[in-house]
N, C-alpha and C. Protein backbone atom coordinates (compact mmCIF):
# COMPACT_ATOMS: atom_id res chain seq x y z
N MET A 1 -13.96 14.37 17.08
CA MET A 1 -14.54 14.30 15.62
C MET A 1 -13.75 12.71 15.28
N VAL A 2 -12.58 12.32 15.82
CA VAL A 2 -11.63 11.36 15.50
C VAL A 2 -12.54 10.65 16.62
N LEU A 3 -12.96 10.40 17.63
CA LEU A 3 -13.52 9.07 18.15
C LEU A 3 -14.55 9.33 17.85
N ALA A 4 -15.57 9.89 17.04
CA ALA A 4 -16.47 9.26 16.77
C ALA A 4 -16.21 8.38 14.86
N VAL A 5 -15.49 8.52 14.51
CA VAL A 5 -14.47 7.98 13.26
C VAL A 5 -14.30 6.33 14.01
N VAL A 6 -13.30 6.69 14.60
CA VAL A 6 -13.34 5.44 15.02
C VAL A 6 -13.55 3.80 15.55
N PRO A 7 -14.76 4.40 16.26
CA PRO A 7 -15.76 3.53 16.29
C PRO A 7 -17.01 2.78 15.51
N LEU A 8 -16.28 3.55 14.11
CA LEU A 8 -17.29 3.07 13.27
C LEU A 8 -16.06 2.88 12.05
N LEU A 9 -15.20 3.17 11.72
CA LEU A 9 -13.65 2.16 10.97
C LEU A 9 -14.20 1.10 11.70
N TYR A 10 -14.11 0.44 13.36
CA TYR A 10 -13.94 -0.64 13.36
C TYR A 10 -15.19 -1.53 13.50
N THR A 11 -16.28 -0.95 13.58
CA THR A 11 -17.92 -1.97 12.67
C THR A 11 -17.84 -1.90 11.76
N CYS A 12 -16.79 -0.91 10.78
CA CYS A 12 -17.09 -1.48 9.30
C CYS A 12 -16.18 -2.76 9.16
N HIS A 13 -14.36 -2.81 10.24
CA HIS A 13 -13.77 -3.79 9.57
C HIS A 13 -14.21 -5.38 10.03
N VAL A 14 -14.51 -4.52 11.72
CA VAL A 14 -15.28 -5.83 11.89
C VAL A 14 -16.30 -6.41 11.76
N SER A 15 -17.34 -5.87 11.22
CA SER A 15 -18.00 -6.77 10.17
C SER A 15 -18.27 -7.42 8.72
N LYS A 16 -17.05 -5.90 7.66
CA LYS A 16 -16.09 -7.02 6.60
C LYS A 16 -15.59 -8.81 6.76
N ALA A 17 -14.98 -8.63 8.19
CA ALA A 17 -14.67 -9.56 8.28
C ALA A 17 -14.88 -11.02 9.30
N GLN A 18 -16.23 -10.70 9.70
CA GLN A 18 -17.82 -11.48 9.62
C GLN A 18 -18.21 -12.36 8.27
N LYS A 19 -18.89 -11.23 7.62
CA LYS A 19 -18.60 -11.54 6.52
C LYS A 19 -17.60 -12.29 5.88
N GLU A 20 -16.17 -11.51 5.59
CA GLU A 20 -15.14 -12.93 4.96
C GLU A 20 -14.71 -13.70 5.51
N ASN A 21 -15.57 -14.25 6.34
CA ASN A 21 -14.68 -15.28 6.94
C ASN A 21 -15.33 -16.72 5.98
N PRO A 22 -14.23 -17.33 6.51
CA PRO A 22 -14.94 -19.03 5.19
C PRO A 22 -16.03 -19.75 6.28
N TYR A 23 -15.33 -19.86 7.77
CA TYR A 23 -16.38 -20.62 8.85
C TYR A 23 -17.63 -20.18 7.98
N GLY A 24 -18.59 -19.47 7.94
CA GLY A 24 -20.01 -18.87 7.94
C GLY A 24 -20.39 -18.89 6.61
N VAL A 25 -19.18 -19.44 5.82
CA VAL A 25 -20.03 -19.98 4.53
C VAL A 25 -19.63 -21.72 4.49
N LEU A 26 -19.07 -22.04 5.53
CA LEU A 26 -19.42 -23.57 4.90
C LEU A 26 -19.93 -24.10 6.51
N THR A 27 -20.04 -23.33 6.79
CA THR A 27 -22.07 -24.03 7.36
C THR A 27 -22.64 -23.58 7.07
N ALA A 28 -23.05 -22.73 6.31
CA ALA A 28 -23.93 -22.75 5.27
C ALA A 28 -24.33 -23.40 4.34
N ILE A 29 -23.17 -23.86 4.54
CA ILE A 29 -22.99 -25.43 2.64
C ILE A 29 -23.06 -26.51 4.07
N SER A 30 -22.63 -26.48 4.88
CA SER A 30 -23.15 -28.43 5.37
C SER A 30 -24.02 -28.68 5.10
N GLN A 31 -25.05 -27.67 5.21
CA GLN A 31 -26.50 -28.84 5.31
C GLN A 31 -26.86 -29.62 4.16
N LYS A 32 -25.60 -29.44 2.79
CA LYS A 32 -26.13 -29.81 1.73
C LYS A 32 -25.09 -30.87 1.84
N PHE A 33 -24.28 -31.06 2.46
CA PHE A 33 -23.52 -32.67 2.27
C PHE A 33 -24.23 -33.26 3.48
N ASN A 34 -22.78 -34.47 3.60
CA ASN A 34 -23.28 -35.46 4.19
C ASN A 34 -21.85 -35.83 4.91
N LEU A 35 -22.24 -35.77 6.01
CA LEU A 35 -21.44 -35.41 7.07
C LEU A 35 -20.15 -36.30 7.76
N LYS A 36 -20.60 -37.14 6.83
CA LYS A 36 -20.53 -38.88 7.55
C LYS A 36 -18.83 -39.32 7.19
N TYR A 37 -18.43 -38.50 5.98
CA TYR A 37 -17.08 -38.39 4.93
C TYR A 37 -16.38 -37.57 5.16
N PRO A 38 -14.75 -37.94 5.09
CA PRO A 38 -14.56 -36.24 5.65
C PRO A 38 -14.47 -35.20 4.52
N VAL A 39 -13.86 -34.36 4.81
CA VAL A 39 -13.38 -32.87 4.25
C VAL A 39 -11.49 -32.31 4.07
N LEU A 40 -10.49 -32.49 3.31
CA LEU A 40 -9.80 -32.33 3.65
C LEU A 40 -9.50 -31.16 4.43
N ASP A 41 -8.54 -30.78 4.86
CA ASP A 41 -8.22 -29.73 6.24
C ASP A 41 -7.60 -28.76 5.63
N SER A 42 -7.77 -28.51 4.05
CA SER A 42 -7.07 -27.37 4.06
C SER A 42 -8.18 -26.79 2.52
N LEU A 43 -8.88 -25.66 2.43
CA LEU A 43 -9.19 -25.07 1.50
C LEU A 43 -8.85 -25.23 0.21
N ILE A 44 -9.01 -25.30 -1.26
CA ILE A 44 -8.08 -25.15 -1.98
C ILE A 44 -8.53 -23.87 -2.51
N PRO A 45 -7.51 -23.20 -3.71
CA PRO A 45 -8.01 -22.29 -4.25
C PRO A 45 -8.79 -22.62 -5.13
N LEU A 46 -10.33 -21.34 -5.54
CA LEU A 46 -11.16 -21.52 -6.45
C LEU A 46 -10.59 -21.51 -7.74
N HIS A 47 -10.73 -22.20 -9.05
CA HIS A 47 -10.45 -21.72 -10.31
C HIS A 47 -11.59 -21.22 -11.17
N SER A 48 -11.14 -20.40 -11.98
CA SER A 48 -12.35 -20.32 -12.80
C SER A 48 -13.57 -21.77 -13.63
N SER A 49 -12.05 -22.92 -13.92
CA SER A 49 -12.61 -23.84 -14.67
C SER A 49 -13.87 -24.69 -13.46
N ASP A 50 -13.86 -24.01 -12.58
CA ASP A 50 -14.97 -24.21 -11.40
C ASP A 50 -16.32 -24.15 -11.87
N MET A 51 -16.33 -22.68 -12.43
CA MET A 51 -17.92 -22.18 -12.48
C MET A 51 -18.50 -22.57 -14.33
N THR A 52 -20.19 -22.69 -14.36
CA THR A 52 -19.78 -23.08 -15.62
C THR A 52 -19.97 -21.74 -16.49
N ASN A 53 -20.38 -22.02 -17.34
CA ASN A 53 -20.71 -20.73 -18.33
C ASN A 53 -21.69 -20.75 -19.33
N ASP A 54 -23.38 -21.03 -18.24
CA ASP A 54 -23.35 -21.14 -19.19
C ASP A 54 -25.01 -20.54 -18.64
N ASN A 55 -24.17 -19.30 -17.74
CA ASN A 55 -25.30 -17.75 -17.76
C ASN A 55 -26.20 -18.36 -16.32
N SER A 56 -25.92 -19.71 -15.47
CA SER A 56 -27.02 -20.15 -14.22
C SER A 56 -26.36 -19.97 -13.77
N SER A 57 -25.27 -19.41 -13.17
CA SER A 57 -24.89 -18.56 -12.14
C SER A 57 -25.89 -17.66 -11.69
N GLY A 58 -26.66 -16.71 -11.90
CA GLY A 58 -27.13 -15.70 -11.37
C GLY A 58 -26.70 -14.87 -10.66
N LEU A 59 -24.78 -14.57 -11.84
CA LEU A 59 -24.66 -13.09 -11.59
C LEU A 59 -24.54 -12.34 -12.62
N THR A 60 -24.68 -10.90 -11.85
CA THR A 60 -24.05 -10.33 -12.65
C THR A 60 -23.39 -10.16 -13.54
N LYS A 61 -23.02 -9.44 -15.00
CA LYS A 61 -21.75 -8.96 -16.19
C LYS A 61 -20.44 -8.79 -14.76
N GLY A 62 -21.10 -7.84 -14.12
CA GLY A 62 -19.74 -6.99 -12.80
C GLY A 62 -19.27 -8.53 -12.10
N GLU A 63 -20.33 -8.61 -11.73
CA GLU A 63 -19.83 -9.61 -10.73
C GLU A 63 -18.88 -10.85 -10.69
N GLU A 64 -19.40 -11.54 -12.42
CA GLU A 64 -18.73 -12.43 -13.28
C GLU A 64 -17.29 -11.99 -13.20
N ARG A 65 -16.77 -10.38 -13.81
CA ARG A 65 -16.20 -9.26 -13.97
C ARG A 65 -14.84 -9.72 -12.80
N GLU A 66 -15.98 -9.75 -11.36
CA GLU A 66 -15.18 -9.66 -10.22
C GLU A 66 -14.32 -10.52 -9.67
N PHE A 67 -15.04 -11.66 -9.73
CA PHE A 67 -15.09 -12.80 -9.79
C PHE A 67 -13.19 -13.44 -10.29
N GLY A 68 -13.69 -13.71 -11.98
CA GLY A 68 -12.41 -13.32 -12.99
C GLY A 68 -11.03 -12.94 -11.84
N ASN A 69 -11.46 -11.98 -12.05
CA ASN A 69 -10.52 -10.93 -10.88
C ASN A 69 -9.67 -11.53 -9.40
N ALA A 70 -10.98 -12.22 -8.75
CA ALA A 70 -10.51 -12.45 -7.43
C ALA A 70 -10.11 -14.43 -7.68
N VAL A 71 -10.50 -15.00 -8.79
CA VAL A 71 -9.41 -15.28 -8.87
C VAL A 71 -8.26 -15.62 -9.08
N ARG A 72 -7.76 -14.59 -9.84
CA ARG A 72 -6.57 -14.81 -10.22
C ARG A 72 -5.60 -14.66 -9.26
N GLN A 73 -6.35 -13.90 -7.77
CA GLN A 73 -5.58 -13.95 -6.77
C GLN A 73 -5.64 -14.91 -5.70
N ALA A 74 -6.46 -16.01 -5.61
CA ALA A 74 -6.90 -16.82 -5.41
C ALA A 74 -6.15 -17.81 -4.57
N ARG A 75 -6.11 -18.33 -3.11
CA ARG A 75 -5.03 -18.87 -2.33
C ARG A 75 -5.79 -19.93 -1.68
N GLY A 76 -5.26 -21.08 -0.90
CA GLY A 76 -5.76 -21.75 -0.45
C GLY A 76 -6.03 -20.89 1.43
N PHE A 77 -6.56 -22.21 2.35
CA PHE A 77 -6.85 -21.85 3.65
C PHE A 77 -6.76 -22.94 4.67
N ARG A 78 -5.99 -23.17 5.55
CA ARG A 78 -5.46 -24.11 6.53
C ARG A 78 -6.44 -24.35 7.49
N LEU A 79 -7.74 -25.38 7.72
CA LEU A 79 -8.43 -25.57 8.71
C LEU A 79 -8.34 -25.84 9.81
N ASN A 80 -9.17 -25.12 10.70
CA ASN A 80 -9.30 -24.76 11.86
C ASN A 80 -10.20 -25.99 12.67
N SER A 81 -10.20 -27.54 12.88
CA SER A 81 -10.73 -27.83 13.05
C SER A 81 -11.99 -27.72 14.73
N ASP A 82 -10.95 -26.97 15.46
CA ASP A 82 -11.98 -27.04 16.49
C ASP A 82 -12.83 -25.67 15.76
N SER A 83 -12.60 -25.26 14.41
CA SER A 83 -13.91 -24.75 14.68
C SER A 83 -15.69 -24.98 13.55
N LEU A 84 -14.94 -26.27 13.00
CA LEU A 84 -15.98 -27.24 12.55
C LEU A 84 -15.45 -28.75 13.36
N ARG A 85 -16.19 -29.25 14.96
CA ARG A 85 -15.94 -29.71 15.43
C ARG A 85 -16.76 -31.69 15.27
N GLU A 86 -18.21 -31.05 14.09
CA GLU A 86 -18.59 -32.09 13.49
C GLU A 86 -18.09 -32.21 12.36
N TRP A 87 -16.96 -32.34 11.85
CA TRP A 87 -16.62 -32.47 10.30
C TRP A 87 -15.56 -33.52 11.09
N LYS A 88 -15.43 -34.60 9.87
CA LYS A 88 -14.22 -35.16 9.49
C LYS A 88 -13.31 -34.98 8.78
N PHE A 89 -11.75 -34.92 9.16
CA PHE A 89 -10.57 -34.32 8.17
C PHE A 89 -9.75 -35.20 8.59
N LEU A 90 -9.48 -35.44 6.67
CA LEU A 90 -7.64 -35.63 6.32
C LEU A 90 -7.19 -35.27 5.71
N PRO A 91 -5.41 -35.50 6.11
CA PRO A 91 -4.58 -34.13 5.86
C PRO A 91 -4.68 -34.13 4.64
N ALA A 92 -4.92 -32.99 3.81
CA ALA A 92 -5.17 -32.41 2.93
C ALA A 92 -3.43 -32.59 1.46
N LEU A 93 -1.87 -32.08 1.86
CA LEU A 93 -1.65 -32.03 1.51
C LEU A 93 -0.89 -33.34 0.38
N PRO A 94 -0.93 -35.01 1.45
CA PRO A 94 -0.63 -36.30 0.66
C PRO A 94 -1.87 -35.49 -0.50
N ILE A 95 -2.86 -35.54 -0.16
CA ILE A 95 -3.98 -36.05 -1.53
C ILE A 95 -3.79 -34.94 -2.75
N LEU A 96 -3.64 -33.10 -2.44
CA LEU A 96 -2.90 -32.63 -2.89
C LEU A 96 -1.76 -32.94 -3.46
N LYS A 97 -0.68 -33.10 -3.46
CA LYS A 97 0.64 -34.20 -3.70
C LYS A 97 0.27 -34.72 -5.75
N VAL A 98 -0.94 -36.04 -4.54
CA VAL A 98 -1.29 -36.61 -5.78
C VAL A 98 -2.00 -36.02 -7.02
N PHE A 99 -2.76 -35.10 -6.31
CA PHE A 99 -3.53 -34.33 -7.64
C PHE A 99 -2.41 -33.48 -8.85
N GLU A 100 -1.55 -33.49 -8.29
CA GLU A 100 -0.31 -32.55 -8.76
C GLU A 100 0.33 -33.86 -10.05
N THR A 101 0.31 -34.77 -9.43
CA THR A 101 1.50 -35.30 -10.08
C THR A 101 0.56 -36.83 -10.37
N PHE A 102 -0.61 -37.52 -10.44
CA PHE A 102 -1.48 -38.29 -10.66
C PHE A 102 -0.60 -39.62 -11.50
N ASP A 103 -0.42 -40.56 -10.45
CA ASP A 103 0.41 -41.14 -10.93
C ASP A 103 -0.40 -42.86 -10.52
N SER A 104 0.07 -44.12 -10.37
CA SER A 104 -0.94 -45.81 -10.04
C SER A 104 -0.84 -45.55 -8.57
N PHE A 105 0.26 -45.12 -7.60
CA PHE A 105 0.54 -45.02 -6.81
C PHE A 105 -0.20 -44.19 -6.16
N GLY A 106 -0.51 -43.05 -5.87
CA GLY A 106 -1.34 -41.63 -6.24
C GLY A 106 -3.05 -42.03 -6.41
N SER A 107 -3.47 -42.86 -7.87
CA SER A 107 -4.89 -43.30 -7.63
C SER A 107 -5.29 -43.96 -6.53
N ALA A 108 -3.87 -44.88 -6.07
CA ALA A 108 -4.20 -46.10 -5.33
C ALA A 108 -4.82 -44.65 -3.64
N LEU A 109 -3.56 -44.14 -3.43
CA LEU A 109 -4.41 -43.71 -2.35
C LEU A 109 -5.30 -42.75 -2.81
N VAL A 110 -5.58 -42.80 -3.90
CA VAL A 110 -7.34 -41.73 -3.59
C VAL A 110 -8.69 -42.56 -3.27
N GLU A 111 -7.96 -43.30 -4.22
CA GLU A 111 -9.54 -44.49 -4.38
C GLU A 111 -9.36 -45.20 -2.64
N LYS A 112 -8.74 -45.38 -1.83
CA LYS A 112 -8.23 -45.91 -0.68
C LYS A 112 -8.93 -45.07 0.28
N GLN A 113 -8.73 -43.48 -0.31
CA GLN A 113 -9.49 -42.40 1.10
C GLN A 113 -10.65 -42.65 0.39
N LYS A 114 -11.19 -42.26 -0.25
CA LYS A 114 -12.59 -42.03 -0.96
C LYS A 114 -13.75 -42.30 -0.48
N PRO A 115 -15.01 -42.36 -0.30
CA PRO A 115 -15.34 -40.68 -0.68
C PRO A 115 -14.92 -39.76 0.13
N PHE A 116 -14.77 -38.48 0.01
CA PHE A 116 -14.05 -37.57 0.53
C PHE A 116 -14.47 -35.79 -0.03
N TYR A 117 -14.34 -35.20 0.12
CA TYR A 117 -14.67 -33.48 -0.28
C TYR A 117 -13.70 -33.44 -0.24
N VAL A 118 -13.17 -32.00 -1.64
CA VAL A 118 -12.56 -31.22 -1.77
C VAL A 118 -13.13 -30.28 -1.81
N ILE A 119 -13.01 -28.68 -0.92
CA ILE A 119 -13.47 -27.47 -0.90
C ILE A 119 -12.92 -26.44 -1.25
N SER A 120 -12.87 -25.68 -1.96
CA SER A 120 -12.49 -24.09 -2.39
C SER A 120 -12.54 -23.43 -1.10
N ASN A 121 -11.55 -22.50 -0.92
CA ASN A 121 -11.57 -21.59 -0.37
C ASN A 121 -12.60 -20.54 -0.56
N PRO A 122 -13.23 -19.76 -0.62
CA PRO A 122 -14.58 -18.92 -0.85
C PRO A 122 -13.87 -17.86 -1.74
N ILE A 123 -14.61 -17.32 -2.81
CA ILE A 123 -14.58 -15.80 -3.31
C ILE A 123 -15.35 -14.89 -3.33
N PHE A 124 -15.43 -13.87 -2.25
CA PHE A 124 -15.83 -12.68 -1.43
C PHE A 124 -16.13 -11.73 -2.43
N LEU A 125 -17.65 -11.63 -2.55
CA LEU A 125 -17.76 -10.38 -4.33
C LEU A 125 -18.02 -9.16 -3.53
N ARG A 126 -18.00 -8.06 -3.82
CA ARG A 126 -17.93 -6.88 -2.80
C ARG A 126 -19.48 -6.97 -2.16
N HIS A 127 -20.57 -7.07 -3.20
CA HIS A 127 -21.83 -7.05 -2.45
C HIS A 127 -22.68 -8.38 -1.98
N GLY A 128 -21.74 -8.37 -0.94
CA GLY A 128 -22.01 -9.62 0.09
C GLY A 128 -22.44 -11.63 -0.89
N LYS A 129 -21.63 -11.40 -1.09
CA LYS A 129 -21.71 -12.47 -2.19
C LYS A 129 -20.95 -13.20 -1.72
N ALA A 130 -20.61 -15.10 -2.17
CA ALA A 130 -19.42 -15.43 -2.08
C ALA A 130 -19.89 -16.89 -3.21
N ILE A 131 -18.88 -16.81 -3.37
CA ILE A 131 -19.14 -17.89 -4.67
C ILE A 131 -17.72 -19.48 -3.30
N VAL A 132 -18.52 -20.66 -3.83
CA VAL A 132 -17.47 -22.16 -3.32
C VAL A 132 -17.72 -22.61 -3.76
N ASN A 133 -16.79 -23.91 -3.98
CA ASN A 133 -17.15 -25.10 -5.25
C ASN A 133 -16.31 -26.55 -3.85
N VAL A 134 -17.35 -27.50 -4.05
CA VAL A 134 -17.38 -28.72 -3.06
C VAL A 134 -17.36 -29.99 -4.15
N ASN A 135 -15.95 -30.23 -3.84
CA ASN A 135 -16.40 -31.67 -4.38
C ASN A 135 -16.57 -33.20 -3.86
N LEU A 136 -17.23 -33.33 -4.18
CA LEU A 136 -17.29 -34.97 -3.38
C LEU A 136 -15.94 -36.40 -4.11
N ILE A 137 -15.31 -36.40 -4.50
CA ILE A 137 -14.37 -37.34 -4.50
C ILE A 137 -14.92 -38.49 -4.80
N GLY A 138 -15.13 -39.25 -5.97
CA GLY A 138 -15.67 -40.46 -6.31
C GLY A 138 -17.12 -40.10 -6.56
N SER A 139 -17.46 -38.61 -6.62
CA SER A 139 -19.47 -38.69 -6.95
C SER A 139 -19.99 -37.48 -7.58
N TYR A 140 -19.64 -36.55 -6.51
CA TYR A 140 -20.16 -35.06 -7.38
C TYR A 140 -19.40 -34.42 -7.22
N GLY A 141 -19.87 -33.18 -7.67
CA GLY A 141 -19.60 -31.53 -6.95
C GLY A 141 -20.52 -30.34 -7.25
N TYR A 142 -20.64 -29.50 -6.79
CA TYR A 142 -21.01 -28.33 -6.81
C TYR A 142 -20.67 -27.08 -6.60
N THR A 143 -20.89 -25.83 -7.78
CA THR A 143 -20.48 -24.47 -7.06
C THR A 143 -21.92 -24.48 -6.24
N TYR A 144 -21.31 -23.51 -5.31
CA TYR A 144 -22.91 -22.76 -4.56
C TYR A 144 -22.70 -21.55 -3.86
N ILE A 145 -23.73 -20.35 -4.91
CA ILE A 145 -23.45 -18.65 -4.57
C ILE A 145 -23.86 -18.57 -3.66
N LEU A 146 -23.80 -17.78 -2.11
CA LEU A 146 -24.23 -17.46 -1.22
C LEU A 146 -24.59 -16.67 -1.38
N GLU A 147 -25.25 -15.30 -0.15
CA GLU A 147 -25.62 -14.32 0.02
C GLU A 147 -25.88 -13.61 1.36
N TRP A 148 -24.78 -13.21 1.88
CA TRP A 148 -24.97 -12.00 3.51
C TRP A 148 -26.36 -12.21 3.26
N LYS A 149 -27.25 -11.90 3.91
CA LYS A 149 -28.85 -11.62 4.41
C LYS A 149 -28.71 -12.35 6.03
N ASN A 150 -28.90 -10.77 6.91
CA ASN A 150 -29.75 -11.10 7.99
C ASN A 150 -28.68 -11.72 8.44
N GLY A 151 -27.43 -10.71 8.53
CA GLY A 151 -26.13 -11.82 9.83
C GLY A 151 -26.34 -12.91 9.22
N LYS A 152 -25.90 -13.88 7.82
CA LYS A 152 -25.45 -15.31 8.21
C LYS A 152 -25.29 -15.10 6.64
N TRP A 153 -24.76 -15.68 6.16
CA TRP A 153 -24.70 -16.59 4.69
C TRP A 153 -26.33 -17.59 4.25
N VAL A 154 -26.27 -17.29 3.36
CA VAL A 154 -27.99 -18.22 2.61
C VAL A 154 -27.45 -18.80 1.62
N ILE A 155 -27.45 -20.09 0.79
CA ILE A 155 -26.99 -19.99 -0.72
C ILE A 155 -28.63 -19.76 -1.23
N LEU A 156 -28.31 -19.27 -2.37
CA LEU A 156 -28.86 -18.58 -3.67
C LEU A 156 -28.57 -19.84 -4.74
N THR A 157 -27.69 -20.19 -5.42
CA THR A 157 -27.14 -21.07 -6.08
C THR A 157 -26.43 -21.93 -5.58
N GLU A 158 -27.39 -23.33 -6.45
CA GLU A 158 -26.52 -25.25 -6.11
C GLU A 158 -26.00 -25.20 -8.24
N ILE A 159 -25.37 -25.34 -8.62
CA ILE A 159 -24.87 -25.42 -9.62
C ILE A 159 -23.90 -26.85 -9.62
N TYR A 160 -24.07 -28.09 -10.28
CA TYR A 160 -24.01 -29.30 -10.62
C TYR A 160 -22.78 -28.76 -11.60
N ASN A 161 -21.93 -30.12 -10.72
CA ASN A 161 -20.29 -30.30 -11.50
C ASN A 161 -20.34 -31.21 -12.39
N TRP A 162 -20.32 -31.81 -13.89
CA TRP A 162 -19.92 -33.08 -13.46
C TRP A 162 -18.59 -33.43 -13.56
N MET A 163 -18.21 -34.45 -12.79
CA MET A 163 -16.97 -35.97 -11.69
C MET A 163 -17.18 -37.06 -12.89
N SER A 164 -15.90 -36.88 -13.11
CA SER A 164 -15.82 -38.17 -13.37
C SER A 164 -15.05 -39.49 -12.95
């Protein structure tokens, strides 16, 4: 009996790890942006303010609550450039420090670097959905809601975010 349970537990764990891998989400959304612009080499935590409250997300009330709870525990994620070879990267640390204490020096640094992408670490929901925020600094932003279908991530909803 134990021998039958171990492969099942391993399969469930591997399946969950494949679904909750940010690289699959990034590959799915990368078709939506211009890879000539660089991306910060770290994914930032997603904030609930990154989602609109106009019910355009297509999430159920339960998924919205789950999202809110997950956001409170959200962390950043350092990207492995070998996993995204076609992408160009910018070091995240100097840019993120500028965002914390925005001053004239920081403003000049951002102006010199933009346009570049800042991407959130995806939030994975229990029923095979993921939410990720993508901002092109100096232009626009989108929140993407994806669903795990047939072994890959597929974009369900694209929500435009106003940027200044």
